[in-house]
Amino acid sequence: MGCSIGVSFLLRLASAVAFVGTAAVTLDAHAQNLERGRELYENHCQKCHTAKVHARKNQAALSVGDLRDIVNRWQSNQGLRWREDEIEDVVQYLARTRYFFTTLR
């Protein structure tokens, strides 16, 4: 009986460690994606778009969906050929750092 309690405890502990490890990897990947979004934005968009464009009274982007459409349109107009994940990284970077949307999907 004491052995089964020990095994049960070890299984719960292993499960908790796996969960924490997965959360840490997810957070690290999330931070890397935001960093890539920042780099793409600064290297390709910020040449023309100063911070003022995101704070103007009549913003074109009123939601993350609007922002996604705008980023996709502009990267296409510029011939950048970004992948969907790169577009999403820029969208998430802007949504979190410039527009402060509460819904990010």
C-alpha atoms as a PDB file:
ATOM      1  CA  MET A   1       0.000   0.000   0.000  1.00  0.00           C
ATOM      2  CA  GLY A   2       2.802   2.429   0.840  1.00  0.00           C
ATOM      3  CA  CYS A   3       4.396   1.657  -2.493  1.00  0.00           C
ATOM      4  CA  SER A   4       1.267   2.591  -4.483  1.00  0.00           C
ATOM      5  CA  ILE A   5       1.049   5.937  -2.665  1.00  0.00           C
ATOM      6  CA  GLY A   6       4.668   6.595  -3.573  1.00  0.00           C
ATOM      7  CA  VAL A   7       4.052   5.681  -7.210  1.00  0.00           C
ATOM      8  CA  SER A   8       0.955   7.877  -7.326  1.00  0.00           C
ATOM      9  CA  PHE A   9       2.917  10.774  -5.861  1.00  0.00           C
ATOM     10  CA  LEU A  10       5.745  10.285  -8.360  1.00  0.00           C
ATOM     11  CA  LEU A  11       3.281  10.199 -11.265  1.00  0.00           C
ATOM     12  CA  ARG A  12       1.662  13.441 -10.094  1.00  0.00           C
ATOM     13  CA  LEU A  13       5.070  15.032  -9.616  1.00  0.00           C
ATOM     14  CA  ALA A  14       6.218  13.964 -13.089  1.00  0.00           C
ATOM     15  CA  SER A  15       3.012  15.346 -14.563  1.00  0.00           C
ATOM     16  CA  ALA A  16       3.500  18.693 -12.804  1.00  0.00           C
ATOM     17  CA  VAL A  17       7.125  18.921 -13.953  1.00  0.00           C
ATOM     18  CA  ALA A  18       6.088  18.148 -17.545  1.00  0.00           C
ATOM     19  CA  PHE A  19       3.389  20.838 -17.396  1.00  0.00           C
ATOM     20  CA  VAL A  20       5.793  23.471 -16.053  1.00  0.00           C
ATOM     21  CA  GLY A  21       8.379  22.525 -18.667  1.00  0.00           C
ATOM     22  CA  THR A  22       5.801  22.827 -21.458  1.00  0.00           C
ATOM     23  CA  ALA A  23       4.664  26.214 -20.149  1.00  0.00           C
ATOM     24  CA  ALA A  24       8.247  27.472 -20.056  1.00  0.00           C
ATOM     25  CA  VAL A  25       8.886  26.331 -23.639  1.00  0.00           C
ATOM     26  CA  THR A  26       5.627  27.968 -24.758  1.00  0.00           C
ATOM     27  CA  LEU A  27       6.541  31.251 -23.070  1.00  0.00           C
ATOM     28  CA  ASP A  28      10.017  31.183 -24.587  1.00  0.00           C
ATOM     29  CA  ALA A  29       8.614  30.499 -28.076  1.00  0.00           C
ATOM     30  CA  HIS A  30       6.064  33.286 -27.565  1.00  0.00           C
ATOM     31  CA  ALA A  31       8.817  35.740 -26.623  1.00  0.00           C
ATOM     32  CA  GLN A  32      10.857  34.694 -29.657  1.00  0.00           C
ATOM     33  CA  ASN A  33       7.840  35.237 -31.920  1.00  0.00           C
ATOM     34  CA  LEU A  34       7.266  38.726 -30.525  1.00  0.00           C
ATOM     35  CA  GLU A  35      10.951  39.476 -31.018  1.00  0.00           C
ATOM     36  CA  ARG A  36      10.770  38.307 -34.620  1.00  0.00           C
ATOM     37  CA  GLY A  37       7.644  40.429 -35.114  1.00  0.00           C
ATOM     38  CA  ARG A  38       9.501  43.446 -33.744  1.00  0.00           C
ATOM     39  CA  GLU A  39      12.477  42.812 -36.013  1.00  0.00           C
ATOM     40  CA  LEU A  40      10.316  42.396 -39.121  1.00  0.00           C
ATOM     41  CA  TYR A  41       8.368  45.546 -38.277  1.00  0.00           C
ATOM     42  CA  GLU A  42      11.466  47.624 -37.567  1.00  0.00           C
ATOM     43  CA  ASN A  43      13.286  46.419 -40.681  1.00  0.00           C
ATOM     44  CA  HIS A  44      10.414  46.674 -43.141  1.00  0.00           C
ATOM     45  CA  CYS A  45       7.620  48.893 -41.822  1.00  0.00           C
ATOM     46  CA  GLN A  46       9.056  51.456 -39.457  1.00  0.00           C
ATOM     47  CA  LYS A  47      10.908  53.205 -42.275  1.00  0.00           C
ATOM     48  CA  CYS A  48       7.599  54.806 -43.247  1.00  0.00           C
ATOM     49  CA  HIS A  49       5.421  54.162 -40.190  1.00  0.00           C
ATOM     50  CA  THR A  50       6.501  56.118 -37.149  1.00  0.00           C
ATOM     51  CA  ALA A  51       4.831  55.473 -33.791  1.00  0.00           C
ATOM     52  CA  LYS A  52       2.389  58.283 -34.600  1.00  0.00           C
ATOM     53  CA  VAL A  53       0.611  56.210 -37.241  1.00  0.00           C
ATOM     54  CA  HIS A  54      -0.567  53.760 -34.571  1.00  0.00           C
ATOM     55  CA  ALA A  55      -1.788  56.463 -32.201  1.00  0.00           C
ATOM     56  CA  ARG A  56      -3.745  58.604 -34.658  1.00  0.00           C
ATOM     57  CA  LYS A  57      -7.364  59.396 -33.886  1.00  0.00           C
ATOM     58  CA  ASN A  58      -8.845  57.621 -36.927  1.00  0.00           C
ATOM     59  CA  GLN A  59      -7.034  54.300 -36.656  1.00  0.00           C
ATOM     60  CA  ALA A  60      -7.528  51.911 -39.549  1.00  0.00           C
ATOM     61  CA  ALA A  61      -7.066  48.888 -37.284  1.00  0.00           C
ATOM     62  CA  LEU A  62      -9.849  48.546 -34.739  1.00  0.00           C
ATOM     63  CA  SER A  63      -9.282  44.849 -34.086  1.00  0.00           C
ATOM     64  CA  VAL A  64      -6.632  42.176 -34.480  1.00  0.00           C
ATOM     65  CA  GLY A  65      -8.438  41.002 -37.619  1.00  0.00           C
ATOM     66  CA  ASP A  66      -8.216  44.500 -39.122  1.00  0.00           C
ATOM     67  CA  LEU A  67      -4.547  44.657 -38.180  1.00  0.00           C
ATOM     68  CA  ARG A  68      -3.904  41.244 -39.767  1.00  0.00           C
ATOM     69  CA  ASP A  69      -5.537  42.398 -43.014  1.00  0.00           C
ATOM     70  CA  ILE A  70      -3.477  45.608 -43.051  1.00  0.00           C
ATOM     71  CA  VAL A  71      -0.156  43.863 -42.343  1.00  0.00           C
ATOM     72  CA  ASN A  72      -0.896  41.244 -44.984  1.00  0.00           C
ATOM     73  CA  ARG A  73      -1.866  43.859 -47.576  1.00  0.00           C
ATOM     74  CA  TRP A  74       1.233  45.995 -46.955  1.00  0.00           C
ATOM     75  CA  GLN A  75       3.697  43.118 -46.948  1.00  0.00           C
ATOM     76  CA  SER A  76       2.190  41.997 -50.244  1.00  0.00           C
ATOM     77  CA  ASN A  77       2.301  45.542 -51.700  1.00  0.00           C
ATOM     78  CA  GLN A  78       5.978  45.731 -50.760  1.00  0.00           C
ATOM     79  CA  GLY A  79       6.719  42.322 -52.318  1.00  0.00           C
ATOM     80  CA  LEU A  80       7.995  40.918 -49.018  1.00  0.00           C
ATOM     81  CA  ARG A  81       6.411  37.460 -49.442  1.00  0.00           C
ATOM     82  CA  TRP A  82       6.081  36.864 -45.696  1.00  0.00           C
ATOM     83  CA  ARG A  83       4.817  33.507 -44.514  1.00  0.00           C
ATOM     84  CA  GLU A  84       1.638  33.376 -42.422  1.00  0.00           C
ATOM     85  CA  ASP A  85       3.640  32.907 -39.213  1.00  0.00           C
ATOM     86  CA  GLU A  86       5.725  36.005 -39.966  1.00  0.00           C
ATOM     87  CA  ILE A  87       2.589  38.053 -40.628  1.00  0.00           C
ATOM     88  CA  GLU A  88       1.125  36.769 -37.371  1.00  0.00           C
ATOM     89  CA  ASP A  89       4.305  37.665 -35.466  1.00  0.00           C
ATOM     90  CA  VAL A  90       4.115  41.267 -36.713  1.00  0.00           C
ATOM     91  CA  VAL A  91       0.376  41.399 -35.961  1.00  0.00           C
ATOM     92  CA  GLN A  92       0.905  40.132 -32.412  1.00  0.00           C
ATOM     93  CA  TYR A  93       3.826  42.507 -31.860  1.00  0.00           C
ATOM     94  CA  LEU A  94       1.739  45.505 -32.952  1.00  0.00           C
ATOM     95  CA  ALA A  95      -1.387  44.317 -31.118  1.00  0.00           C
ATOM     96  CA  ARG A  96       0.548  44.064 -27.849  1.00  0.00           C
ATOM     97  CA  THR A  97       2.912  47.026 -28.111  1.00  0.00           C
ATOM     98  CA  ARG A  98       1.133  49.670 -30.188  1.00  0.00           C
ATOM     99  CA  TYR A  99      -2.606  48.996 -30.133  1.00  0.00           C
ATOM    100  CA  PHE A 100      -2.964  47.255 -26.754  1.00  0.00           C
ATOM    101  CA  PHE A 101      -5.884  45.119 -27.942  1.00  0.00           C
ATOM    102  CA  THR A 102      -7.397  42.998 -25.190  1.00  0.00           C
ATOM    103  CA  THR A 103      -8.331  40.194 -27.612  1.00  0.00           C
ATOM    104  CA  LEU A 104      -5.280  38.957 -29.470  1.00  0.00           C
ATOM    105  CA  ARG A 105      -6.764  36.440 -31.930  1.00  0.00           C
END
